Amino acid sequence: MRVATKTEAEASCGGLILLDGAMGTELAERGFELRPPLFSARALLDAPELVEQIHWDYLCAGAQVLTTNSFGLHAASLAAAGIGERQAELVRRSVQLIERVRARALAEQPAEPGPSSARFRIAGSIPPRVRAGERALGRAEYRAYANALITSGVDLLLLETFTNVDDARVALEGLVGVELPVWLSVVAGGTARSDGARLLGGDSFEDLAQLLRSETHRVPDALLINCTQIDAIPAALDAMIQASADVGLPLGLRPHLGRRRYDGVWIDRIVEPEVFAGQIQAWMRTRPQLIIAGACCGSRPDYIAATQRALMPSEAAREQAFVRLAELVP
């Protein structure tokens, strides 16, 4: 692969927004045991300082959006853990840990990460419900989840890792009237994981694009692909771009880095940080609709740091990115 020169990279990547990477992967790497039903969200109870440090490390790596560790806080998951009444408390804690990172960044000026990094945004993570069920109940649960995040002070809501259109529709129906930006992130890969032209649940991207054109629910303000096998990303990007061409939403990607080996063994990372960053840069350079990038399962802060070096090779490029972020998430 030809590597772009600094001048080419600055010209083609100005104003791109960098998200963070995986939380669960990093918790496990640092010795925290991920157990059902809460998985990474259990660290809010048992290891909040570790969660805060991981957020800090992603900020120092260059992330401009930090995602709350609230992925496991659906009512059903909490009920299964015997703490069903603690959703609002734990959502608030997930936001407070990131706010402590902001305070630390401001307190350490002019040391790294410096004042510009403290301008990051907080994305409130909302995953699909654990079990599909009655639609009115689903809408109410998504709204309660969103209200807890909004009350706690997030800057945007991130509906992430949705595998089919119907679940996304129910979530968006529950967010009618929400004024904060709402980003929708879906998993591509078809039933075989390698077919990027469809969502993991089998729906087409054209089916998904209908959600971007309807006024019966909260229309998302950005559309992303996440938790998608990296070799399925090109087909997924092209399908997403083609299906949403008439809508004009900001688009983005957060690939996961693992896959099953020939003998069935799961490999967490099939590419190294610089290779990953170069691939992200190439995809975004050839698809100008893409302005948001990050990483998903298998990633660590060094992947985000490498991606920042590729997408934002100068202080001017980083400032452009913060300007673009302020436009999308005031």
C-alpha atoms as a PDB file:
ATOM      1  CA  MET A   1       0.000   0.000   0.000  1.00  0.00           C
ATOM      2  CA  ARG A   2       1.350   3.438  -0.907  1.00  0.00           C
ATOM      3  CA  VAL A   3       1.590   5.726   2.139  1.00  0.00           C
ATOM      4  CA  ALA A   4       0.352   9.264   1.641  1.00  0.00           C
ATOM      5  CA  THR A   5       2.806  12.081   2.126  1.00  0.00           C
ATOM      6  CA  LYS A   6       2.239  14.558   4.942  1.00  0.00           C
ATOM      7  CA  THR A   7       0.887  17.158   2.524  1.00  0.00           C
ATOM      8  CA  GLU A   8      -1.520  14.674   0.925  1.00  0.00           C
ATOM      9  CA  ALA A   9      -2.723  13.429   4.299  1.00  0.00           C
ATOM     10  CA  GLU A  10      -3.400  16.936   5.582  1.00  0.00           C
ATOM     11  CA  ALA A  11      -5.289  17.833   2.428  1.00  0.00           C
ATOM     12  CA  SER A  12      -7.473  14.728   2.455  1.00  0.00           C
ATOM     13  CA  CYS A  13      -8.004  14.225   6.209  1.00  0.00           C
ATOM     14  CA  GLY A  14      -8.653  17.725   7.542  1.00  0.00           C
ATOM     15  CA  GLY A  15     -11.634  17.885   9.866  1.00  0.00           C
ATOM     16  CA  LEU A  16     -11.933  14.152  10.508  1.00  0.00           C
ATOM     17  CA  ILE A  17     -13.202  13.158  13.947  1.00  0.00           C
ATOM     18  CA  LEU A  18     -11.467  10.493  16.025  1.00  0.00           C
ATOM     19  CA  LEU A  19     -13.421   8.284  18.430  1.00  0.00           C
ATOM     20  CA  ASP A  20     -12.008   6.048  21.147  1.00  0.00           C
ATOM     21  CA  GLY A  21     -11.544   2.272  21.094  1.00  0.00           C
ATOM     22  CA  ALA A  22     -12.712  -0.778  23.004  1.00  0.00           C
ATOM     23  CA  MET A  23     -13.424  -0.703  26.726  1.00  0.00           C
ATOM     24  CA  GLY A  24     -14.059  -4.410  27.384  1.00  0.00           C
ATOM     25  CA  THR A  25     -10.906  -5.460  25.553  1.00  0.00           C
ATOM     26  CA  GLU A  26      -8.805  -3.050  27.569  1.00  0.00           C
ATOM     27  CA  LEU A  27     -10.376  -4.057  30.881  1.00  0.00           C
ATOM     28  CA  ALA A  28      -9.522  -7.685  30.137  1.00  0.00           C
ATOM     29  CA  GLU A  29      -5.983  -6.762  29.066  1.00  0.00           C
ATOM     30  CA  ARG A  30      -5.493  -5.090  32.448  1.00  0.00           C
ATOM     31  CA  GLY A  31      -6.707  -8.082  34.416  1.00  0.00           C
ATOM     32  CA  PHE A  32     -10.393  -7.361  34.952  1.00  0.00           C
ATOM     33  CA  GLU A  33     -12.577 -10.437  34.502  1.00  0.00           C
ATOM     34  CA  LEU A  34     -15.515  -9.898  32.122  1.00  0.00           C
ATOM     35  CA  ARG A  35     -18.444 -11.949  33.387  1.00  0.00           C
ATOM     36  CA  PRO A  36     -22.101 -12.048  32.378  1.00  0.00           C
ATOM     37  CA  PRO A  37     -24.548 -10.458  32.694  1.00  0.00           C
ATOM     38  CA  LEU A  38     -22.810  -7.078  33.065  1.00  0.00           C
ATOM     39  CA  PHE A  39     -19.422  -7.790  31.441  1.00  0.00           C
ATOM     40  CA  SER A  40     -17.512  -4.474  31.195  1.00  0.00           C
ATOM     41  CA  ALA A  41     -20.223  -2.524  33.042  1.00  0.00           C
ATOM     42  CA  ARG A  42     -19.393  -4.468  36.228  1.00  0.00           C
ATOM     43  CA  ALA A  43     -16.189  -2.431  36.386  1.00  0.00           C
ATOM     44  CA  LEU A  44     -18.329   0.582  37.299  1.00  0.00           C
ATOM     45  CA  LEU A  45     -18.966  -1.237  40.586  1.00  0.00           C
ATOM     46  CA  ASP A  46     -15.717  -3.116  41.141  1.00  0.00           C
ATOM     47  CA  ALA A  47     -12.996  -1.088  39.390  1.00  0.00           C
ATOM     48  CA  PRO A  48     -14.125   2.487  38.614  1.00  0.00           C
ATOM     49  CA  GLU A  49     -10.553   3.792  38.834  1.00  0.00           C
ATOM     50  CA  LEU A  50      -9.522   1.375  36.107  1.00  0.00           C
ATOM     51  CA  VAL A  51     -12.362   2.566  33.848  1.00  0.00           C
ATOM     52  CA  GLU A  52     -11.281   6.160  34.430  1.00  0.00           C
ATOM     53  CA  GLN A  53      -7.659   5.347  33.574  1.00  0.00           C
ATOM     54  CA  ILE A  54      -8.681   3.655  30.323  1.00  0.00           C
ATOM     55  CA  HIS A  55     -10.703   6.728  29.331  1.00  0.00           C
ATOM     56  CA  TRP A  56      -7.648   8.860  30.139  1.00  0.00           C
ATOM     57  CA  ASP A  57      -5.378   6.680  28.044  1.00  0.00           C
ATOM     58  CA  TYR A  58      -7.707   6.965  25.053  1.00  0.00           C
ATOM     59  CA  LEU A  59      -7.790  10.739  25.486  1.00  0.00           C
ATOM     60  CA  CYS A  60      -3.995  10.881  25.587  1.00  0.00           C
ATOM     61  CA  ALA A  61      -3.942   8.725  22.456  1.00  0.00           C
ATOM     62  CA  GLY A  62      -5.910  11.414  20.630  1.00  0.00           C
ATOM     63  CA  ALA A  63      -9.588  10.461  20.955  1.00  0.00           C
ATOM     64  CA  GLN A  64     -11.933  13.429  20.657  1.00  0.00           C
ATOM     65  CA  VAL A  65     -15.044  11.507  21.700  1.00  0.00           C
ATOM     66  CA  LEU A  66     -15.011   9.311  24.809  1.00  0.00           C
ATOM     67  CA  THR A  67     -17.765   6.716  25.124  1.00  0.00           C
ATOM     68  CA  THR A  68     -19.405   5.933  28.456  1.00  0.00           C
ATOM     69  CA  ASN A  69     -18.936   2.447  29.880  1.00  0.00           C
ATOM     70  CA  SER A  70     -22.720   2.010  29.926  1.00  0.00           C
ATOM     71  CA  PHE A  71     -23.084  -0.691  27.270  1.00  0.00           C
ATOM     72  CA  GLY A  72     -24.226  -3.309  29.805  1.00  0.00           C
ATOM     73  CA  LEU A  73     -26.764  -1.215  31.697  1.00  0.00           C
ATOM     74  CA  HIS A  74     -30.035  -2.255  30.089  1.00  0.00           C
ATOM     75  CA  ALA A  75     -32.749  -2.990  32.633  1.00  0.00           C
ATOM     76  CA  ALA A  76     -32.782  -6.727  31.877  1.00  0.00           C
ATOM     77  CA  SER A  77     -29.020  -7.074  32.375  1.00  0.00           C
ATOM     78  CA  LEU A  78     -29.153  -5.225  35.677  1.00  0.00           C
ATOM     79  CA  ALA A  79     -32.122  -7.283  36.835  1.00  0.00           C
ATOM     80  CA  ALA A  80     -30.223 -10.478  36.029  1.00  0.00           C
ATOM     81  CA  ALA A  81     -27.388  -9.196  38.201  1.00  0.00           C
ATOM     82  CA  GLY A  82     -29.794  -8.467  41.052  1.00  0.00           C
ATOM     83  CA  ILE A  83     -29.395  -4.679  40.857  1.00  0.00           C
ATOM     84  CA  GLY A  84     -32.272  -3.716  38.594  1.00  0.00           C
ATOM     85  CA  GLU A  85     -32.971  -0.522  40.542  1.00  0.00           C
ATOM     86  CA  ARG A  86     -29.490   0.944  39.993  1.00  0.00           C
ATOM     87  CA  GLN A  87     -29.583   1.919  36.314  1.00  0.00           C
ATOM     88  CA  ALA A  88     -29.702   5.691  36.834  1.00  0.00           C
ATOM     89  CA  GLU A  89     -26.949   5.514  39.479  1.00  0.00           C
ATOM     90  CA  LEU A  90     -24.578   3.474  37.306  1.00  0.00           C
ATOM     91  CA  VAL A  91     -25.278   5.529  34.191  1.00  0.00           C
ATOM     92  CA  ARG A  92     -24.426   8.628  36.200  1.00  0.00           C
ATOM     93  CA  ARG A  93     -21.216   7.003  37.413  1.00  0.00           C
ATOM     94  CA  SER A  94     -20.199   6.124  33.848  1.00  0.00           C
ATOM     95  CA  VAL A  95     -20.462   9.799  32.916  1.00  0.00           C
ATOM     96  CA  GLN A  96     -18.795  11.076  36.077  1.00  0.00           C
ATOM     97  CA  LEU A  97     -15.703   8.980  35.403  1.00  0.00           C
ATOM     98  CA  ILE A  98     -15.267  10.725  32.054  1.00  0.00           C
ATOM     99  CA  GLU A  99     -15.886  14.131  33.610  1.00  0.00           C
ATOM    100  CA  ARG A 100     -13.050  13.340  36.020  1.00  0.00           C
ATOM    101  CA  VAL A 101     -10.853  12.781  32.973  1.00  0.00           C
ATOM    102  CA  ARG A 102     -11.798  16.233  31.689  1.00  0.00           C
ATOM    103  CA  ALA A 103     -10.962  17.785  35.045  1.00  0.00           C
ATOM    104  CA  ARG A 104      -7.602  16.020  35.025  1.00  0.00           C
ATOM    105  CA  ALA A 105      -6.855  17.243  31.501  1.00  0.00           C
ATOM    106  CA  LEU A 106      -7.630  20.825  32.483  1.00  0.00           C
ATOM    107  CA  ALA A 107      -5.621  20.577  35.686  1.00  0.00           C
ATOM    108  CA  GLU A 108      -2.534  19.327  33.854  1.00  0.00           C
ATOM    109  CA  GLN A 109      -2.310  22.160  31.326  1.00  0.00           C
ATOM    110  CA  PRO A 110      -0.001  22.782  29.565  1.00  0.00           C
ATOM    111  CA  ALA A 111       1.168  19.200  29.985  1.00  0.00           C
ATOM    112  CA  GLU A 112      -0.264  16.590  27.669  1.00  0.00           C
ATOM    113  CA  PRO A 113      -3.019  16.052  26.709  1.00  0.00           C
ATOM    114  CA  GLY A 114      -3.312  19.858  26.953  1.00  0.00           C
ATOM    115  CA  PRO A 115      -6.216  22.274  26.706  1.00  0.00           C
ATOM    116  CA  SER A 116      -7.380  21.271  23.228  1.00  0.00           C
ATOM    117  CA  SER A 117      -7.928  17.669  24.276  1.00  0.00           C
ATOM    118  CA  ALA A 118     -10.200  18.765  27.127  1.00  0.00           C
ATOM    119  CA  ARG A 119     -12.703  19.838  24.483  1.00  0.00           C
ATOM    120  CA  PHE A 120     -13.653  16.223  23.836  1.00  0.00           C
ATOM    121  CA  ARG A 121     -17.305  15.175  23.748  1.00  0.00           C
ATOM    122  CA  ILE A 122     -18.977  12.473  25.832  1.00  0.00           C
ATOM    123  CA  ALA A 123     -20.972   9.884  23.899  1.00  0.00           C
ATOM    124  CA  GLY A 124     -23.593   8.049  25.941  1.00  0.00           C
ATOM    125  CA  SER A 125     -23.584   4.403  24.830  1.00  0.00           C
ATOM    126  CA  ILE A 126     -26.939   2.657  24.403  1.00  0.00           C
ATOM    127  CA  PRO A 127     -26.842  -0.922  23.022  1.00  0.00           C
ATOM    128  CA  PRO A 128     -29.728  -3.001  21.671  1.00  0.00           C
ATOM    129  CA  ARG A 129     -32.010  -4.560  24.254  1.00  0.00           C
ATOM    130  CA  VAL A 130     -30.961  -7.956  25.528  1.00  0.00           C
ATOM    131  CA  ARG A 131     -34.286  -9.472  24.467  1.00  0.00           C
ATOM    132  CA  ALA A 132     -36.669  -8.205  21.824  1.00  0.00           C
ATOM    133  CA  GLY A 133     -40.233  -7.909  23.019  1.00  0.00           C
ATOM    134  CA  GLU A 134     -43.292  -5.691  23.144  1.00  0.00           C
ATOM    135  CA  ARG A 135     -42.565  -2.532  21.165  1.00  0.00           C
ATOM    136  CA  ALA A 136     -44.120  -0.045  23.571  1.00  0.00           C
ATOM    137  CA  LEU A 137     -42.043  -1.484  26.418  1.00  0.00           C
ATOM    138  CA  GLY A 138     -38.943  -1.311  24.242  1.00  0.00           C
ATOM    139  CA  ARG A 139     -39.539   2.347  23.427  1.00  0.00           C
ATOM    140  CA  ALA A 140     -40.004   3.120  27.112  1.00  0.00           C
ATOM    141  CA  GLU A 141     -36.802   1.298  28.091  1.00  0.00           C
ATOM    142  CA  TYR A 142     -34.730   3.090  25.471  1.00  0.00           C
ATOM    143  CA  ARG A 143     -36.162   6.437  26.564  1.00  0.00           C
ATOM    144  CA  ALA A 144     -35.392   5.762  30.228  1.00  0.00           C
ATOM    145  CA  TYR A 145     -31.826   4.780  29.289  1.00  0.00           C
ATOM    146  CA  ALA A 146     -31.438   7.946  27.204  1.00  0.00           C
ATOM    147  CA  ASN A 147     -32.938  10.181  29.886  1.00  0.00           C
ATOM    148  CA  ALA A 148     -30.488   8.838  32.459  1.00  0.00           C
ATOM    149  CA  LEU A 149     -27.571   9.632  30.154  1.00  0.00           C
ATOM    150  CA  ILE A 150     -28.895  13.069  29.229  1.00  0.00           C
ATOM    151  CA  THR A 151     -29.513  13.981  32.864  1.00  0.00           C
ATOM    152  CA  SER A 152     -25.975  12.851  33.690  1.00  0.00           C
ATOM    153  CA  GLY A 153     -24.510  15.277  31.158  1.00  0.00           C
ATOM    154  CA  VAL A 154     -23.556  13.453  27.945  1.00  0.00           C
ATOM    155  CA  ASP A 155     -23.088  15.485  24.773  1.00  0.00           C
ATOM    156  CA  LEU A 156     -24.560  12.953  22.352  1.00  0.00           C
ATOM    157  CA  LEU A 157     -26.326   9.603  22.391  1.00  0.00           C
ATOM    158  CA  LEU A 158     -24.636   6.695  20.618  1.00  0.00           C
ATOM    159  CA  LEU A 159     -26.965   3.843  19.653  1.00  0.00           C
ATOM    160  CA  GLU A 160     -24.281   1.273  18.981  1.00  0.00           C
ATOM    161  CA  THR A 161     -23.887  -2.314  17.807  1.00  0.00           C
ATOM    162  CA  PHE A 162     -27.388  -2.643  16.350  1.00  0.00           C
ATOM    163  CA  THR A 163     -27.602  -5.716  14.125  1.00  0.00           C
ATOM    164  CA  ASN A 164     -31.000  -5.265  12.498  1.00  0.00           C
ATOM    165  CA  VAL A 165     -33.280  -2.487  11.343  1.00  0.00           C
ATOM    166  CA  ASP A 166     -36.236  -3.280  13.584  1.00  0.00           C
ATOM    167  CA  ASP A 167     -34.274  -2.946  16.827  1.00  0.00           C
ATOM    168  CA  ALA A 168     -32.848   0.356  15.617  1.00  0.00           C
ATOM    169  CA  ARG A 169     -36.339   1.565  14.696  1.00  0.00           C
ATOM    170  CA  VAL A 170     -37.692   0.796  18.174  1.00  0.00           C
ATOM    171  CA  ALA A 171     -34.781   2.652  19.769  1.00  0.00           C
ATOM    172  CA  LEU A 172     -35.281   5.676  17.524  1.00  0.00           C
ATOM    173  CA  GLU A 173     -39.022   5.637  18.231  1.00  0.00           C
ATOM    174  CA  GLY A 174     -38.156   5.839  21.915  1.00  0.00           C
ATOM    175  CA  LEU A 175     -35.981   8.907  21.323  1.00  0.00           C
ATOM    176  CA  VAL A 176     -38.614  11.094  19.634  1.00  0.00           C
ATOM    177  CA  GLY A 177     -38.175  14.647  20.882  1.00  0.00           C
ATOM    178  CA  VAL A 178     -34.579  14.192  22.092  1.00  0.00           C
ATOM    179  CA  GLU A 179     -32.639  17.340  21.262  1.00  0.00           C
ATOM    180  CA  LEU A 180     -29.101  16.043  21.759  1.00  0.00           C
ATOM    181  CA  PRO A 181     -27.381  14.641  18.665  1.00  0.00           C
ATOM    182  CA  VAL A 182     -28.111  10.949  18.129  1.00  0.00           C
ATOM    183  CA  TRP A 183     -25.623   8.742  16.258  1.00  0.00           C
ATOM    184  CA  LEU A 184     -26.652   5.287  15.072  1.00  0.00           C
ATOM    185  CA  SER A 185     -23.965   2.614  14.675  1.00  0.00           C
ATOM    186  CA  VAL A 186     -24.712  -0.784  13.139  1.00  0.00           C
ATOM    187  CA  VAL A 187     -22.936  -4.104  12.702  1.00  0.00           C
ATOM    188  CA  ALA A 188     -22.386  -5.306   9.136  1.00  0.00           C
ATOM    189  CA  GLY A 189     -21.292  -8.732   8.017  1.00  0.00           C
ATOM    190  CA  GLY A 190     -24.371 -10.719   7.078  1.00  0.00           C
ATOM    191  CA  THR A 191     -24.857 -14.095   8.705  1.00  0.00           C
ATOM    192  CA  ALA A 192     -21.347 -15.171   7.660  1.00  0.00           C
ATOM    193  CA  ARG A 193     -19.628 -12.132   9.251  1.00  0.00           C
ATOM    194  CA  SER A 194     -17.637 -11.600   6.063  1.00  0.00           C
ATOM    195  CA  ASP A 195     -20.514 -10.284   3.908  1.00  0.00           C
ATOM    196  CA  GLY A 196     -20.225  -6.583   4.526  1.00  0.00           C
ATOM    197  CA  ALA A 197     -22.984  -5.692   2.084  1.00  0.00           C
ATOM    198  CA  ARG A 198     -25.669  -6.512   4.673  1.00  0.00           C
ATOM    199  CA  LEU A 199     -26.244  -6.022   8.373  1.00  0.00           C
ATOM    200  CA  LEU A 200     -25.366  -8.895  10.662  1.00  0.00           C
ATOM    201  CA  GLY A 201     -29.066  -9.675  11.094  1.00  0.00           C
ATOM    202  CA  GLY A 202     -29.543  -9.941   7.326  1.00  0.00           C
ATOM    203  CA  ASP A 203     -31.183  -6.595   6.538  1.00  0.00           C
ATOM    204  CA  SER A 204     -29.850  -4.558   3.627  1.00  0.00           C
ATOM    205  CA  PHE A 205     -28.366  -1.103   3.974  1.00  0.00           C
ATOM    206  CA  GLU A 206     -31.232   0.168   1.827  1.00  0.00           C
ATOM    207  CA  ASP A 207     -33.622  -1.141   4.489  1.00  0.00           C
ATOM    208  CA  LEU A 208     -31.543   0.730   7.062  1.00  0.00           C
ATOM    209  CA  ALA A 209     -31.542   3.905   4.981  1.00  0.00           C
ATOM    210  CA  GLN A 210     -35.323   4.067   5.233  1.00  0.00           C
ATOM    211  CA  LEU A 211     -34.833   4.985   8.891  1.00  0.00           C
ATOM    212  CA  LEU A 212     -32.960   8.063   7.730  1.00  0.00           C
ATOM    213  CA  ARG A 213     -35.891   9.279   5.634  1.00  0.00           C
ATOM    214  CA  SER A 214     -38.868   8.702   7.942  1.00  0.00           C
ATOM    215  CA  GLU A 215     -40.331  11.242  10.362  1.00  0.00           C
ATOM    216  CA  THR A 216     -42.105   8.692  12.576  1.00  0.00           C
ATOM    217  CA  HIS A 217     -39.098   8.503  14.925  1.00  0.00           C
ATOM    218  CA  ARG A 218     -35.955  10.399  15.895  1.00  0.00           C
ATOM    219  CA  VAL A 219     -33.854  10.527  12.724  1.00  0.00           C
ATOM    220  CA  PRO A 220     -30.177   9.941  13.550  1.00  0.00           C
ATOM    221  CA  ASP A 221     -27.663  12.735  12.994  1.00  0.00           C
ATOM    222  CA  ALA A 222     -24.833  10.413  11.912  1.00  0.00           C
ATOM    223  CA  LEU A 223     -24.558   6.813  10.725  1.00  0.00           C
ATOM    224  CA  LEU A 224     -21.636   4.521  11.540  1.00  0.00           C
ATOM    225  CA  ILE A 225     -20.504   0.930  11.197  1.00  0.00           C
ATOM    226  CA  ASN A 226     -19.003  -0.722  14.264  1.00  0.00           C
ATOM    227  CA  CYS A 227     -18.029  -4.160  15.590  1.00  0.00           C
ATOM    228  CA  THR A 228     -17.642  -5.332  12.001  1.00  0.00           C
ATOM    229  CA  GLN A 229     -14.860  -7.666  10.908  1.00  0.00           C
ATOM    230  CA  ILE A 230     -12.189  -5.569   9.259  1.00  0.00           C
ATOM    231  CA  ASP A 231     -12.152  -7.544   6.003  1.00  0.00           C
ATOM    232  CA  ALA A 232     -15.896  -6.917   5.619  1.00  0.00           C
ATOM    233  CA  ILE A 233     -15.500  -3.151   6.001  1.00  0.00           C
ATOM    234  CA  PRO A 234     -14.958  -2.128   2.329  1.00  0.00           C
ATOM    235  CA  ALA A 235     -18.190  -3.739   1.132  1.00  0.00           C
ATOM    236  CA  ALA A 236     -20.030  -2.382   4.167  1.00  0.00           C
ATOM    237  CA  LEU A 237     -18.786   1.160   3.563  1.00  0.00           C
ATOM    238  CA  ASP A 238     -19.761   1.104  -0.084  1.00  0.00           C
ATOM    239  CA  ALA A 239     -23.215  -0.298   0.703  1.00  0.00           C
ATOM    240  CA  MET A 240     -23.778   2.305   3.427  1.00  0.00           C
ATOM    241  CA  ILE A 241     -22.601   5.181   1.243  1.00  0.00           C
ATOM    242  CA  GLN A 242     -24.723   4.130  -1.710  1.00  0.00           C
ATOM    243  CA  ALA A 243     -27.878   3.558   0.344  1.00  0.00           C
ATOM    244  CA  SER A 244     -27.633   6.876   2.205  1.00  0.00           C
ATOM    245  CA  ALA A 245     -26.402   9.043  -0.679  1.00  0.00           C
ATOM    246  CA  ASP A 246     -29.577  11.143  -0.851  1.00  0.00           C
ATOM    247  CA  VAL A 247     -29.621  11.837   2.893  1.00  0.00           C
ATOM    248  CA  GLY A 248     -26.234  13.477   3.327  1.00  0.00           C
ATOM    249  CA  LEU A 249     -25.525  12.372   6.889  1.00  0.00           C
ATOM    250  CA  PRO A 250     -21.993  12.279   8.301  1.00  0.00           C
ATOM    251  CA  LEU A 251     -20.733   8.693   8.106  1.00  0.00           C
ATOM    252  CA  GLY A 252     -18.127   6.788  10.057  1.00  0.00           C
ATOM    253  CA  LEU A 253     -16.578   3.455  11.001  1.00  0.00           C
ATOM    254  CA  ARG A 254     -15.212   1.560  14.008  1.00  0.00           C
ATOM    255  CA  PRO A 255     -14.011  -1.893  12.845  1.00  0.00           C
ATOM    256  CA  HIS A 256     -13.270  -4.720  15.208  1.00  0.00           C
ATOM    257  CA  LEU A 257      -9.892  -6.359  14.834  1.00  0.00           C
ATOM    258  CA  GLY A 258     -10.512 -10.051  15.371  1.00  0.00           C
ATOM    259  CA  ARG A 259     -11.534 -13.082  13.375  1.00  0.00           C
ATOM    260  CA  ARG A 260     -11.567 -16.869  13.614  1.00  0.00           C
ATOM    261  CA  ARG A 261      -8.450 -18.659  12.450  1.00  0.00           C
ATOM    262  CA  TYR A 262      -8.619 -21.583  10.012  1.00  0.00           C
ATOM    263  CA  ASP A 263      -8.887 -23.978  12.975  1.00  0.00           C
ATOM    264  CA  GLY A 264     -11.665 -22.032  14.696  1.00  0.00           C
ATOM    265  CA  VAL A 265      -9.495 -20.321  17.313  1.00  0.00           C
ATOM    266  CA  TRP A 266     -10.469 -16.681  17.849  1.00  0.00           C
ATOM    267  CA  ILE A 267      -7.676 -14.172  17.222  1.00  0.00           C
ATOM    268  CA  ASP A 268      -8.245 -10.820  18.947  1.00  0.00           C
ATOM    269  CA  ARG A 269      -6.125  -8.778  16.535  1.00  0.00           C
ATOM    270  CA  ILE A 270      -5.219  -9.639  12.980  1.00  0.00           C
ATOM    271  CA  VAL A 271      -3.508  -6.312  12.211  1.00  0.00           C
ATOM    272  CA  GLU A 272      -1.001  -4.146  14.069  1.00  0.00           C
ATOM    273  CA  PRO A 273      -1.707  -0.492  14.977  1.00  0.00           C
ATOM    274  CA  GLU A 274       0.146   1.154  12.084  1.00  0.00           C
ATOM    275  CA  VAL A 275      -1.406  -1.219   9.548  1.00  0.00           C
ATOM    276  CA  PHE A 276      -4.852  -0.553  10.989  1.00  0.00           C
ATOM    277  CA  ALA A 277      -4.303   3.209  10.890  1.00  0.00           C
ATOM    278  CA  GLY A 278      -3.063   3.089   7.306  1.00  0.00           C
ATOM    279  CA  GLN A 279      -6.126   1.136   6.249  1.00  0.00           C
ATOM    280  CA  ILE A 280      -8.478   3.586   7.978  1.00  0.00           C
ATOM    281  CA  GLN A 281      -6.664   6.452   6.270  1.00  0.00           C
ATOM    282  CA  ALA A 282      -6.946   4.806   2.864  1.00  0.00           C
ATOM    283  CA  TRP A 283     -10.656   4.094   3.245  1.00  0.00           C
ATOM    284  CA  MET A 284     -11.392   7.646   4.354  1.00  0.00           C
ATOM    285  CA  ARG A 285      -9.202   9.229   1.685  1.00  0.00           C
ATOM    286  CA  THR A 286     -11.114   7.400  -1.067  1.00  0.00           C
ATOM    287  CA  ARG A 287     -14.560   7.906   0.502  1.00  0.00           C
ATOM    288  CA  PRO A 288     -14.966  11.584   1.451  1.00  0.00           C
ATOM    289  CA  GLN A 289     -18.386  10.900   3.013  1.00  0.00           C
ATOM    290  CA  LEU A 290     -16.524   9.304   5.930  1.00  0.00           C
ATOM    291  CA  ILE A 291     -15.590  11.863   8.577  1.00  0.00           C
ATOM    292  CA  ILE A 292     -15.747   9.810  11.820  1.00  0.00           C
ATOM    293  CA  ALA A 293     -13.337   7.002  12.713  1.00  0.00           C
ATOM    294  CA  GLY A 294     -12.451   4.866  15.704  1.00  0.00           C
ATOM    295  CA  ALA A 295     -11.995   1.229  16.634  1.00  0.00           C
ATOM    296  CA  CYS A 296     -14.001  -1.522  18.313  1.00  0.00           C
ATOM    297  CA  CYS A 297     -13.320  -4.929  19.887  1.00  0.00           C
ATOM    298  CA  GLY A 298      -9.658  -5.890  20.028  1.00  0.00           C
ATOM    299  CA  SER A 299      -8.401  -2.321  19.900  1.00  0.00           C
ATOM    300  CA  ARG A 300      -6.237  -0.591  22.499  1.00  0.00           C
ATOM    301  CA  PRO A 301      -5.070   3.025  22.938  1.00  0.00           C
ATOM    302  CA  ASP A 302      -2.066   2.454  20.679  1.00  0.00           C
ATOM    303  CA  TYR A 303      -4.467   1.809  17.787  1.00  0.00           C
ATOM    304  CA  ILE A 304      -6.133   5.160  18.386  1.00  0.00           C
ATOM    305  CA  ALA A 305      -2.752   6.871  18.692  1.00  0.00           C
ATOM    306  CA  ALA A 306      -1.619   5.402  15.366  1.00  0.00           C
ATOM    307  CA  THR A 307      -4.892   6.471  13.749  1.00  0.00           C
ATOM    308  CA  GLN A 308      -4.448  10.010  15.028  1.00  0.00           C
ATOM    309  CA  ARG A 309      -0.979  10.152  13.502  1.00  0.00           C
ATOM    310  CA  ALA A 310      -2.394   8.996  10.173  1.00  0.00           C
ATOM    311  CA  LEU A 311      -5.508  11.186  10.096  1.00  0.00           C
ATOM    312  CA  MET A 312      -4.236  14.251  11.945  1.00  0.00           C
ATOM    313  CA  PRO A 313      -0.528  14.609  11.108  1.00  0.00           C
ATOM    314  CA  SER A 314      -0.286  18.196  12.347  1.00  0.00           C
ATOM    315  CA  GLU A 315      -1.675  20.489  15.030  1.00  0.00           C
ATOM    316  CA  ALA A 316      -3.635  22.297  12.311  1.00  0.00           C
ATOM    317  CA  ALA A 317      -5.350  19.064  11.294  1.00  0.00           C
ATOM    318  CA  ARG A 318      -6.268  18.358  14.922  1.00  0.00           C
ATOM    319  CA  GLU A 319      -7.750  21.827  15.256  1.00  0.00           C
ATOM    320  CA  GLN A 320      -9.767  21.283  12.091  1.00  0.00           C
ATOM    321  CA  ALA A 321     -11.104  18.101  13.652  1.00  0.00           C
ATOM    322  CA  PHE A 322     -12.256  19.927  16.775  1.00  0.00           C
ATOM    323  CA  VAL A 323     -13.971  22.544  14.616  1.00  0.00           C
ATOM    324  CA  ARG A 324     -15.826  19.807  12.732  1.00  0.00           C
ATOM    325  CA  LEU A 325     -16.740  18.110  16.028  1.00  0.00           C
ATOM    326  CA  ALA A 326     -18.158  21.372  17.373  1.00  0.00           C
ATOM    327  CA  GLU A 327     -20.321  21.643  14.263  1.00  0.00           C
ATOM    328  CA  LEU A 328     -21.745  18.147  14.735  1.00  0.00           C
ATOM    329  CA  VAL A 329     -21.998  18.206  18.525  1.00  0.00           C
ATOM    330  CA  PRO A 330     -22.350  21.830  19.703  1.00  0.00           C
END
